[in-house]
Amino acid sequence: ISCSAGQVPHDNGLSCITCSAGTYSIVGDDSCSPCAAGLYSSSGAGICSYCGPGTYSNAGSSNCTACPDGQVSSTGAASCSDCVAGKYDDGNNACQLCEAGKFSAAGSITCDGDCPAGTFGESGSVICSNCEA
């Protein structure tokens, strides 16, 4: 029996069964294959789709998960990455430089560190430097 994409032959060989969400098949496949990490599918899929920016998925996923605050990802990501120290997650899947005089730790959503009196920090700085007399 020949089944369409997203279906595979039933064990009895008389009918086709639909691939479950998180898997796919192409015409002629004997079994459903799991989507790779960074991809997802709904039930009966002939292909897996890429997760969008700001999301990720594990192998065999039926949907993508939003990155936690302070982390970002690109299209088709298997995981999210922290914004590096001196940058913050702006909420739109982009790491932005902290303004001068502020700093942040890796994975931050704000630049809430103020340089103490007598010190300064350049935009995107991860440390505050002493002012020269």
C-alpha atoms as a PDB file:
ATOM      1  CA  ILE A   1       0.000   0.000   0.000  1.00  0.00           C
ATOM      2  CA  SER A   2       1.256   3.483  -0.826  1.00  0.00           C
ATOM      3  CA  CYS A   3       0.547   6.169   1.752  1.00  0.00           C
ATOM      4  CA  SER A   4       0.660   9.919   1.321  1.00  0.00           C
ATOM      5  CA  ALA A   5       3.140  12.190   3.095  1.00  0.00           C
ATOM      6  CA  GLY A   6       2.432  12.307   6.823  1.00  0.00           C
ATOM      7  CA  GLN A   7       1.153   8.719   6.820  1.00  0.00           C
ATOM      8  CA  VAL A   8       2.768   5.287   6.907  1.00  0.00           C
ATOM      9  CA  PRO A   9       1.409   1.775   6.285  1.00  0.00           C
ATOM     10  CA  HIS A  10      -0.409   0.154   9.197  1.00  0.00           C
ATOM     11  CA  ASP A  11       1.087  -3.119  10.449  1.00  0.00           C
ATOM     12  CA  ASN A  12      -1.711  -5.000   8.677  1.00  0.00           C
ATOM     13  CA  GLY A  13      -0.605  -3.494   5.345  1.00  0.00           C
ATOM     14  CA  LEU A  14      -4.205  -2.700   4.424  1.00  0.00           C
ATOM     15  CA  SER A  15      -4.451   0.906   5.581  1.00  0.00           C
ATOM     16  CA  CYS A  16      -2.395   3.938   6.453  1.00  0.00           C
ATOM     17  CA  ILE A  17      -1.916   5.544   9.852  1.00  0.00           C
ATOM     18  CA  THR A  18      -1.187   9.205  10.485  1.00  0.00           C
ATOM     19  CA  CYS A  19       2.163  10.235  11.912  1.00  0.00           C
ATOM     20  CA  SER A  20       1.840  11.771  15.369  1.00  0.00           C
ATOM     21  CA  ALA A  21       2.773  15.373  16.167  1.00  0.00           C
ATOM     22  CA  GLY A  22       6.544  15.811  16.429  1.00  0.00           C
ATOM     23  CA  THR A  23       7.151  13.303  13.611  1.00  0.00           C
ATOM     24  CA  TYR A  24       6.885  13.286   9.809  1.00  0.00           C
ATOM     25  CA  SER A  25       7.056  10.976   6.805  1.00  0.00           C
ATOM     26  CA  ILE A  26       7.431  11.357   3.070  1.00  0.00           C
ATOM     27  CA  VAL A  27       5.684   9.258   0.432  1.00  0.00           C
ATOM     28  CA  GLY A  28       7.055   5.723   0.540  1.00  0.00           C
ATOM     29  CA  ASP A  29       8.343   5.807   4.127  1.00  0.00           C
ATOM     30  CA  ASP A  30       7.634   2.733   6.244  1.00  0.00           C
ATOM     31  CA  SER A  31       7.771   4.611   9.544  1.00  0.00           C
ATOM     32  CA  CYS A  32       7.425   8.119  10.929  1.00  0.00           C
ATOM     33  CA  SER A  33      10.653   9.927  11.811  1.00  0.00           C
ATOM     34  CA  PRO A  34      11.051  12.395  14.684  1.00  0.00           C
ATOM     35  CA  CYS A  35      11.650  16.030  13.833  1.00  0.00           C
ATOM     36  CA  ALA A  36      15.196  17.161  14.603  1.00  0.00           C
ATOM     37  CA  ALA A  37      15.871  19.632  17.421  1.00  0.00           C
ATOM     38  CA  GLY A  38      14.974  23.163  16.279  1.00  0.00           C
ATOM     39  CA  LEU A  39      12.064  21.813  14.213  1.00  0.00           C
ATOM     40  CA  TYR A  40       8.459  20.828  15.009  1.00  0.00           C
ATOM     41  CA  SER A  41       5.408  19.313  13.331  1.00  0.00           C
ATOM     42  CA  SER A  42       1.715  18.798  13.850  1.00  0.00           C
ATOM     43  CA  SER A  43      -0.012  15.464  13.335  1.00  0.00           C
ATOM     44  CA  GLY A  44       0.108  14.132   9.761  1.00  0.00           C
ATOM     45  CA  ALA A  45       3.084  16.223   8.672  1.00  0.00           C
ATOM     46  CA  GLY A  46       5.048  15.530   5.516  1.00  0.00           C
ATOM     47  CA  ILE A  47       7.821  17.889   6.662  1.00  0.00           C
ATOM     48  CA  CYS A  48       8.937  19.517   9.888  1.00  0.00           C
ATOM     49  CA  SER A  49       8.896  23.305  10.234  1.00  0.00           C
ATOM     50  CA  TYR A  50      11.612  25.522  11.709  1.00  0.00           C
ATOM     51  CA  CYS A  51      11.070  27.133  15.086  1.00  0.00           C
ATOM     52  CA  GLY A  52      11.017  30.915  14.767  1.00  0.00           C
ATOM     53  CA  PRO A  53      13.472  33.360  16.301  1.00  0.00           C
ATOM     54  CA  GLY A  54      13.094  33.627  20.075  1.00  0.00           C
ATOM     55  CA  THR A  55      11.987  29.981  20.376  1.00  0.00           C
ATOM     56  CA  TYR A  56      13.579  26.510  20.425  1.00  0.00           C
ATOM     57  CA  SER A  57      12.609  22.840  20.421  1.00  0.00           C
ATOM     58  CA  ASN A  58      13.988  19.439  21.374  1.00  0.00           C
ATOM     59  CA  ALA A  59      13.937  16.542  18.912  1.00  0.00           C
ATOM     60  CA  GLY A  60      10.464  15.087  18.335  1.00  0.00           C
ATOM     61  CA  SER A  61       8.624  18.261  19.349  1.00  0.00           C
ATOM     62  CA  SER A  62       5.093  19.198  18.361  1.00  0.00           C
ATOM     63  CA  ASN A  63       5.668  22.890  19.121  1.00  0.00           C
ATOM     64  CA  CYS A  64       8.368  25.400  19.946  1.00  0.00           C
ATOM     65  CA  THR A  65       9.053  26.862  23.384  1.00  0.00           C
ATOM     66  CA  ALA A  66       9.740  30.551  23.981  1.00  0.00           C
ATOM     67  CA  CYS A  67      13.233  31.380  25.206  1.00  0.00           C
ATOM     68  CA  PRO A  68      13.406  32.367  28.891  1.00  0.00           C
ATOM     69  CA  ASP A  69      13.861  36.055  29.724  1.00  0.00           C
ATOM     70  CA  GLY A  70      17.476  37.102  29.172  1.00  0.00           C
ATOM     71  CA  GLN A  71      18.020  34.554  26.391  1.00  0.00           C
ATOM     72  CA  VAL A  72      17.678  34.711  22.593  1.00  0.00           C
ATOM     73  CA  SER A  73      17.734  32.318  19.638  1.00  0.00           C
ATOM     74  CA  SER A  74      17.825  32.300  15.849  1.00  0.00           C
ATOM     75  CA  THR A  75      15.516  30.438  13.446  1.00  0.00           C
ATOM     76  CA  GLY A  76      15.682  26.653  13.861  1.00  0.00           C
ATOM     77  CA  ALA A  77      17.402  26.759  17.251  1.00  0.00           C
ATOM     78  CA  ALA A  78      17.791  23.685  19.448  1.00  0.00           C
ATOM     79  CA  SER A  79      18.478  25.912  22.475  1.00  0.00           C
ATOM     80  CA  CYS A  80      18.597  29.538  23.575  1.00  0.00           C
ATOM     81  CA  SER A  81      21.684  31.550  24.498  1.00  0.00           C
ATOM     82  CA  ASP A  82      22.232  34.122  27.238  1.00  0.00           C
ATOM     83  CA  CYS A  83      22.798  37.715  26.271  1.00  0.00           C
ATOM     84  CA  VAL A  84      26.448  38.288  27.185  1.00  0.00           C
ATOM     85  CA  ALA A  85      27.484  40.501  30.094  1.00  0.00           C
ATOM     86  CA  GLY A  86      27.190  44.176  29.134  1.00  0.00           C
ATOM     87  CA  LYS A  87      24.051  43.491  27.066  1.00  0.00           C
ATOM     88  CA  TYR A  88      20.413  42.822  27.938  1.00  0.00           C
ATOM     89  CA  ASP A  89      17.440  41.060  26.323  1.00  0.00           C
ATOM     90  CA  ASP A  90      15.168  43.805  24.982  1.00  0.00           C
ATOM     91  CA  GLY A  91      12.126  41.496  24.895  1.00  0.00           C
ATOM     92  CA  ASN A  92      12.233  41.299  21.084  1.00  0.00           C
ATOM     93  CA  ASN A  93      14.818  38.491  20.812  1.00  0.00           C
ATOM     94  CA  ALA A  94      17.719  40.933  20.553  1.00  0.00           C
ATOM     95  CA  CYS A  95      20.610  41.650  22.907  1.00  0.00           C
ATOM     96  CA  GLN A  96      21.186  45.385  23.264  1.00  0.00           C
ATOM     97  CA  LEU A  97      24.220  47.207  24.678  1.00  0.00           C
ATOM     98  CA  CYS A  98      23.826  48.678  28.144  1.00  0.00           C
ATOM     99  CA  GLU A  99      24.022  52.448  28.161  1.00  0.00           C
ATOM    100  CA  ALA A 100      27.147  54.183  29.453  1.00  0.00           C
ATOM    101  CA  GLY A 101      27.383  54.067  33.250  1.00  0.00           C
ATOM    102  CA  LYS A 102      25.296  50.881  33.493  1.00  0.00           C
ATOM    103  CA  PHE A 103      26.227  47.207  33.361  1.00  0.00           C
ATOM    104  CA  SER A 104      24.612  43.786  33.443  1.00  0.00           C
ATOM    105  CA  ALA A 105      25.473  40.168  34.114  1.00  0.00           C
ATOM    106  CA  ALA A 106      25.068  37.530  31.391  1.00  0.00           C
ATOM    107  CA  GLY A 107      21.428  36.541  30.818  1.00  0.00           C
ATOM    108  CA  SER A 108      20.006  39.871  32.017  1.00  0.00           C
ATOM    109  CA  ILE A 109      16.795  41.549  30.944  1.00  0.00           C
ATOM    110  CA  THR A 110      17.888  44.985  32.214  1.00  0.00           C
ATOM    111  CA  CYS A 111      21.066  46.928  32.785  1.00  0.00           C
ATOM    112  CA  ASP A 112      20.389  47.538  36.440  1.00  0.00           C
ATOM    113  CA  GLY A 113      23.947  47.850  37.652  1.00  0.00           C
ATOM    114  CA  ASP A 114      25.084  51.429  38.216  1.00  0.00           C
ATOM    115  CA  CYS A 115      28.763  52.250  38.285  1.00  0.00           C
ATOM    116  CA  PRO A 116      29.641  53.521  41.784  1.00  0.00           C
ATOM    117  CA  ALA A 117      30.730  57.127  42.387  1.00  0.00           C
ATOM    118  CA  GLY A 118      34.254  57.776  41.113  1.00  0.00           C
ATOM    119  CA  THR A 119      33.958  55.141  38.375  1.00  0.00           C
ATOM    120  CA  PHE A 120      32.587  54.981  34.842  1.00  0.00           C
ATOM    121  CA  GLY A 121      31.518  52.396  32.325  1.00  0.00           C
ATOM    122  CA  GLU A 122      31.379  52.699  28.559  1.00  0.00           C
ATOM    123  CA  SER A 123      28.368  51.488  26.572  1.00  0.00           C
ATOM    124  CA  GLY A 124      28.323  47.683  26.633  1.00  0.00           C
ATOM    125  CA  SER A 125      30.941  47.557  29.369  1.00  0.00           C
ATOM    126  CA  VAL A 126      30.994  44.648  31.805  1.00  0.00           C
ATOM    127  CA  ILE A 127      33.072  46.502  34.411  1.00  0.00           C
ATOM    128  CA  CYS A 128      33.313  49.967  35.866  1.00  0.00           C
ATOM    129  CA  SER A 129      36.706  51.643  35.675  1.00  0.00           C
ATOM    130  CA  ASN A 130      38.154  54.181  38.098  1.00  0.00           C
ATOM    131  CA  CYS A 131      38.089  57.790  37.016  1.00  0.00           C
ATOM    132  CA  GLU A 132      41.527  59.369  36.680  1.00  0.00           C
ATOM    133  CA  ALA A 133      42.306  62.273  39.018  1.00  0.00           C
END
